[in-house]
Protein backbone atom coordinates (compact mmCIF):
# COMPACT_ATOMS: atom_id res chain seq x y z
CA MET A 1 71.00 -16.28 89.08
CA PRO A 2 74.49 -17.81 89.39
CA ASP A 3 74.73 -21.60 89.39
CA GLN A 4 75.26 -22.55 93.04
CA THR A 5 76.39 -26.04 92.01
CA THR A 6 79.66 -24.68 90.67
CA GLN A 7 80.47 -23.19 94.09
CA ILE A 8 80.29 -26.55 95.92
CA THR A 9 83.65 -27.18 97.59
CA GLY A 10 85.63 -30.41 97.86
CA ARG A 11 89.07 -31.47 99.01
CA LEU A 12 91.67 -31.89 96.27
CA HIS A 13 94.88 -33.90 96.56
CA SER A 14 96.37 -33.08 93.15
CA PHE A 15 95.94 -32.90 89.38
CA GLU A 16 97.61 -34.84 86.61
CA THR A 17 97.40 -33.17 83.22
CA LEU A 18 97.42 -35.12 79.98
CA GLY A 19 97.16 -38.49 81.73
CA THR A 20 97.07 -41.53 79.44
CA LEU A 21 96.45 -44.38 81.90
CA ASP A 22 93.14 -43.37 83.48
CA GLY A 23 90.59 -43.84 80.74
CA PRO A 24 90.43 -43.28 76.98
CA GLY A 25 92.46 -40.57 75.28
CA LEU A 26 94.30 -37.73 76.99
CA ARG A 27 92.74 -36.78 80.31
CA LEU A 28 92.81 -34.36 83.19
CA VAL A 29 92.99 -36.61 86.25
CA VAL A 30 91.54 -35.11 89.44
CA PHE A 31 92.77 -36.85 92.58
CA LEU A 32 90.38 -36.23 95.46
CA GLN A 33 91.07 -36.65 99.16
CA GLY A 34 89.53 -39.31 101.38
CA CYS A 35 89.37 -43.10 101.31
CA PRO A 36 87.81 -45.57 103.75
CA LEU A 37 90.00 -48.48 102.62
CA ARG A 38 93.46 -49.29 103.89
CA CYS A 39 94.71 -51.49 101.08
CA LEU A 40 97.96 -53.28 101.83
CA TYR A 41 99.48 -52.09 98.54
CA CYS A 42 98.12 -48.53 98.55
CA HIS A 43 100.75 -46.19 97.11
CA ASN A 44 98.97 -42.96 98.08
CA PRO A 45 98.38 -43.09 101.86
CA ASP A 46 98.49 -39.30 101.82
CA THR A 47 95.04 -39.36 100.19
CA TRP A 48 93.35 -41.23 103.07
CA ASP A 49 92.57 -38.18 105.21
CA LEU A 50 89.35 -36.53 104.05
CA LYS A 51 90.55 -33.26 105.61
CA GLY A 52 93.87 -33.29 103.74
CA GLY A 53 94.78 -31.54 100.52
CA ARG A 54 93.25 -28.18 99.72
CA ALA A 55 89.79 -26.80 99.16
CA VAL A 56 88.66 -26.56 95.55
CA THR A 57 85.39 -25.61 93.87
CA VAL A 58 83.58 -27.35 91.05
CA GLU A 59 83.96 -24.14 89.07
CA GLU A 60 87.77 -24.23 89.35
CA ILE A 61 88.04 -27.77 88.03
CA VAL A 62 85.53 -27.25 85.22
CA ALA A 63 87.40 -24.10 84.15
CA LYS A 64 90.69 -26.02 84.09
CA ALA A 65 89.10 -28.83 82.09
CA SER A 66 87.57 -26.37 79.64
CA ARG A 67 91.00 -24.81 79.00
CA MET A 68 92.36 -28.28 78.25
CA ARG A 69 89.51 -29.24 75.91
CA PRO A 70 91.66 -28.87 72.73
CA TYR A 71 93.95 -31.63 74.04
CA PHE A 72 91.11 -34.05 74.79
CA GLY A 73 90.16 -34.58 71.17
CA SER A 74 87.23 -36.90 70.55
CA THR A 75 88.10 -39.50 73.20
CA GLY A 76 89.69 -37.69 76.16
CA GLY A 77 88.17 -35.85 79.10
CA VAL A 78 88.26 -35.76 82.89
CA THR A 79 88.84 -38.66 85.29
CA LEU A 80 87.91 -38.38 88.96
CA SER A 81 90.26 -40.48 91.04
CA GLY A 82 91.72 -40.45 94.54
CA GLY A 83 91.67 -41.54 97.22
CA GLU A 84 88.10 -42.54 96.64
CA PRO A 85 85.82 -40.02 94.86
CA LEU A 86 82.78 -41.59 96.52
CA ALA A 87 84.13 -40.36 99.85
CA GLN A 88 82.97 -36.90 98.70
CA PRO A 89 79.63 -37.79 97.10
CA GLN A 90 78.08 -34.32 96.96
CA PHE A 91 81.16 -32.78 95.38
CA THR A 92 81.74 -35.71 93.02
CA LEU A 93 78.15 -35.60 91.78
CA ALA A 94 78.18 -31.82 91.29
CA LEU A 95 81.48 -31.99 89.42
CA LEU A 96 80.40 -34.84 87.15
CA LYS A 97 77.12 -33.12 86.29
CA SER A 98 78.88 -29.84 85.55
CA LEU A 99 81.42 -31.55 83.30
CA LYS A 100 78.66 -33.38 81.44
CA LYS A 101 76.83 -30.08 80.99
CA GLU A 102 79.95 -28.76 79.26
CA GLY A 103 80.08 -31.83 77.00
CA ILE A 104 83.25 -33.19 78.60
CA HIS A 105 83.68 -36.99 78.79
CA THR A 106 83.63 -38.22 82.40
CA VAL A 107 85.36 -41.19 84.02
CA LEU A 108 84.96 -42.29 87.64
CA ASP A 109 88.01 -44.19 88.93
CA THR A 110 86.68 -45.98 92.01
CA SER A 111 86.90 -49.04 94.20
CA GLY A 112 83.10 -48.98 94.43
CA THR A 113 83.32 -48.90 98.22
CA ALA A 114 80.33 -46.66 98.62
CA VAL A 115 78.39 -48.18 101.50
CA PHE A 116 79.63 -49.48 104.82
CA SER A 117 78.06 -50.75 108.02
CA ALA A 118 77.93 -48.52 111.07
CA SER A 119 80.85 -50.42 112.60
CA GLU A 120 83.19 -49.38 109.80
CA ARG A 121 84.39 -46.11 108.32
CA THR A 122 81.13 -44.77 106.93
CA LEU A 123 80.98 -42.59 103.83
CA GLY A 124 77.38 -41.51 104.31
CA ILE A 125 76.45 -41.93 100.66
CA SER A 126 72.90 -42.83 99.66
CA THR A 127 71.58 -45.12 96.96
CA ALA A 128 70.10 -42.10 95.20
CA GLN A 129 73.49 -40.38 95.16
CA ILE A 130 75.19 -43.44 93.70
CA GLN A 131 72.55 -43.72 91.01
CA ALA A 132 72.91 -40.03 90.14
CA ILE A 133 76.70 -40.32 90.05
CA LEU A 134 76.50 -43.31 87.72
CA THR A 135 74.09 -41.47 85.43
CA ALA A 136 76.57 -38.59 85.14
CA THR A 137 79.50 -40.95 84.46
CA ASP A 138 80.38 -42.04 80.92
CA LEU A 139 82.78 -44.76 82.07
CA VAL A 140 83.66 -46.37 85.39
CA LEU A 141 87.18 -47.62 86.05
CA LEU A 142 86.45 -50.16 88.77
CA ASP A 143 89.32 -51.41 90.91
CA VAL A 144 88.14 -54.80 92.18
CA LYS A 145 90.36 -55.30 95.20
CA ALA A 146 89.35 -58.94 95.69
CA PRO A 147 86.41 -61.07 94.49
CA LEU A 148 85.99 -63.05 97.71
CA ALA A 149 84.69 -61.52 100.95
CA GLU A 150 87.40 -62.88 103.25
CA ASN A 151 90.18 -61.77 100.91
CA PHE A 152 88.62 -58.33 100.47
CA GLN A 153 88.50 -57.85 104.24
CA ALA A 154 92.10 -58.96 104.68
CA LEU A 155 93.37 -56.75 101.87
CA THR A 156 91.40 -53.56 102.59
CA GLY A 157 90.35 -53.70 106.24
CA CYS A 158 86.66 -53.37 105.23
CA SER A 159 83.86 -55.62 104.06
CA MET A 160 82.95 -55.86 100.39
CA ALA A 161 79.26 -55.04 100.99
CA GLY A 162 79.77 -51.57 99.55
CA LEU A 163 81.35 -52.89 96.37
CA GLU A 164 78.53 -55.39 95.89
CA ARG A 165 75.89 -52.69 96.35
CA PHE A 166 77.70 -50.38 93.94
CA LEU A 167 77.87 -53.16 91.34
CA GLU A 168 74.18 -53.95 91.74
CA LEU A 169 73.31 -50.34 90.93
CA ALA A 170 75.83 -50.16 88.08
CA ASN A 171 74.42 -53.40 86.69
CA ASP A 172 70.88 -51.99 86.79
CA ASN A 173 72.20 -48.93 84.95
CA HIS A 174 73.88 -51.05 82.22
CA GLN A 175 77.04 -49.12 83.12
CA ALA A 176 80.13 -49.06 80.91
CA VAL A 177 82.95 -50.37 83.12
CA TRP A 178 86.64 -51.14 82.73
CA ILE A 179 87.65 -53.68 85.36
CA ARG A 180 91.04 -53.47 87.02
CA GLN A 181 92.77 -55.63 89.60
CA VAL A 182 96.25 -55.29 91.08
CA ILE A 183 98.12 -58.60 91.12
CA VAL A 184 100.29 -59.10 94.19
CA PRO A 185 102.63 -62.11 94.41
CA GLY A 186 101.48 -64.44 97.14
CA LEU A 187 98.05 -62.80 97.42
CA ASN A 188 96.22 -63.24 94.11
CA ASP A 189 98.69 -64.39 91.46
CA THR A 190 97.30 -67.78 90.44
CA THR A 191 94.87 -68.97 87.78
CA THR A 192 92.51 -69.91 90.62
CA ASP A 193 92.47 -66.25 91.65
CA VAL A 194 91.73 -65.23 88.07
CA GLU A 195 88.85 -67.70 87.91
CA ALA A 196 87.41 -66.25 91.12
CA LEU A 197 87.49 -62.76 89.57
CA VAL A 198 85.72 -64.00 86.43
CA GLN A 199 83.02 -65.76 88.46
CA PHE A 200 82.51 -62.60 90.52
CA LEU A 201 82.03 -60.42 87.44
CA GLN A 202 79.61 -62.88 85.89
CA ARG A 203 77.19 -62.05 88.70
CA TYR A 204 76.55 -58.72 86.95
CA PRO A 205 75.63 -59.63 83.35
CA LYS A 206 74.20 -56.23 82.36
CA LEU A 207 77.48 -54.38 82.91
CA GLN A 208 79.13 -53.27 79.66
CA ILE A 209 82.70 -54.52 80.18
CA PRO A 210 85.04 -54.15 77.18
CA LYS A 211 88.21 -54.54 79.23
CA VAL A 212 89.49 -56.51 82.23
CA GLU A 213 92.99 -55.30 83.07
CA LEU A 214 95.41 -56.95 85.48
CA LEU A 215 97.91 -54.45 86.89
CA PRO A 216 101.29 -55.32 88.42
CA TYR A 217 101.90 -54.57 92.09
CA HIS A 218 104.63 -52.00 92.68
CA SER A 219 106.23 -50.49 95.75
CA LEU A 220 106.64 -46.90 94.54
CA GLY A 221 104.73 -45.53 97.53
CA VAL A 222 107.00 -46.97 100.22
CA ARG A 223 108.76 -43.65 100.79
CA LYS A 224 105.42 -42.00 101.61
CA TYR A 225 104.86 -44.55 104.37
CA GLU A 226 108.29 -43.76 105.76
CA GLN A 227 107.61 -40.03 105.64
CA MET A 228 104.25 -40.49 107.37
CA GLY A 229 105.63 -42.88 109.98
CA LEU A 230 103.38 -45.73 108.83
CA PRO A 231 104.34 -49.41 108.56
CA TYR A 232 104.45 -50.84 105.06
CA LEU A 233 103.04 -54.34 105.41
CA LEU A 234 104.18 -55.65 102.02
CA ALA A 235 107.86 -54.82 102.52
CA GLY A 236 110.00 -57.28 100.59
CA VAL A 237 107.30 -58.33 98.12
CA VAL A 238 108.73 -58.37 94.60
CA PRO A 239 106.51 -57.41 91.64
CA LEU A 240 105.32 -60.27 89.46
CA ALA A 241 107.41 -61.06 86.38
CA GLU A 242 105.95 -59.58 83.20
CA GLU A 243 105.73 -63.02 81.63
CA GLN A 244 103.63 -64.40 84.49
CA LEU A 245 101.35 -61.36 84.46
CA ALA A 246 100.84 -61.85 80.72
CA ILE A 247 99.84 -65.49 81.31
CA LEU A 248 97.27 -64.42 83.90
CA GLN A 249 95.96 -61.68 81.62
CA GLN A 250 95.50 -64.19 78.81
CA ALA A 251 93.68 -66.51 81.19
CA VAL A 252 91.23 -63.85 82.39
CA ASP A 253 90.56 -62.69 78.82
CA GLN A 254 89.81 -66.22 77.66
CA ARG A 255 87.65 -67.14 80.65
CA PHE A 256 85.70 -63.88 80.80
CA PHE A 257 85.10 -62.81 77.23
CA LEU A 258 84.45 -66.29 75.83
CA ASN A 259 81.71 -66.79 78.40
CA ARG A 260 80.23 -63.30 78.32
């Protein structure tokens, strides 16, 4: 009997082949459609719509990944990104499980925004689905938008309850996680902001965190906003100087890893 799991359909935004920035080694990066957040610095607003992109099956992606296996070597594999992969939980789970079955290393690039209240954009994902997704994921790349509730709401337009729930489950699972945070001048570019991030992560001591990476804000997606007729709310914000970002990175490394 054919495996019905491989025929599950999702919505695909795009692929990136031989990506080097989305997990260890060389990777096939699968950008899925749909995201409940509206981050001020989002550079891919064309991924927001869950009905956008094109239909794709698990089988198609696994076949593409299998063809690329010689390039993955011992450390590469497939990264599910977006958008927000958790916006398509059934498809994401089926794809991760199928990739694992083929022995392909899996990375979930997520904001962890898996659960929302009824008053917000609801993803309809269950605790059981999150747990199953985490079990089928070798490494989580977690984009922590903001470590404080009021800042998270202001930056994303949603509460951080979903992120906190996701982290609770990942913590219980002793999940391997790379932490990422975009640094935006005027929003979160001080040592006080770095300290808040460290204190937030220390709430989840069972996470396996080998890396906390601060990423520079950039405005490369502005043209997409113009094309889509959307206002870009960070117009005029200049990316942080490399030297200042390096100082903040050193601070977070010292504060986090010395106290871990």
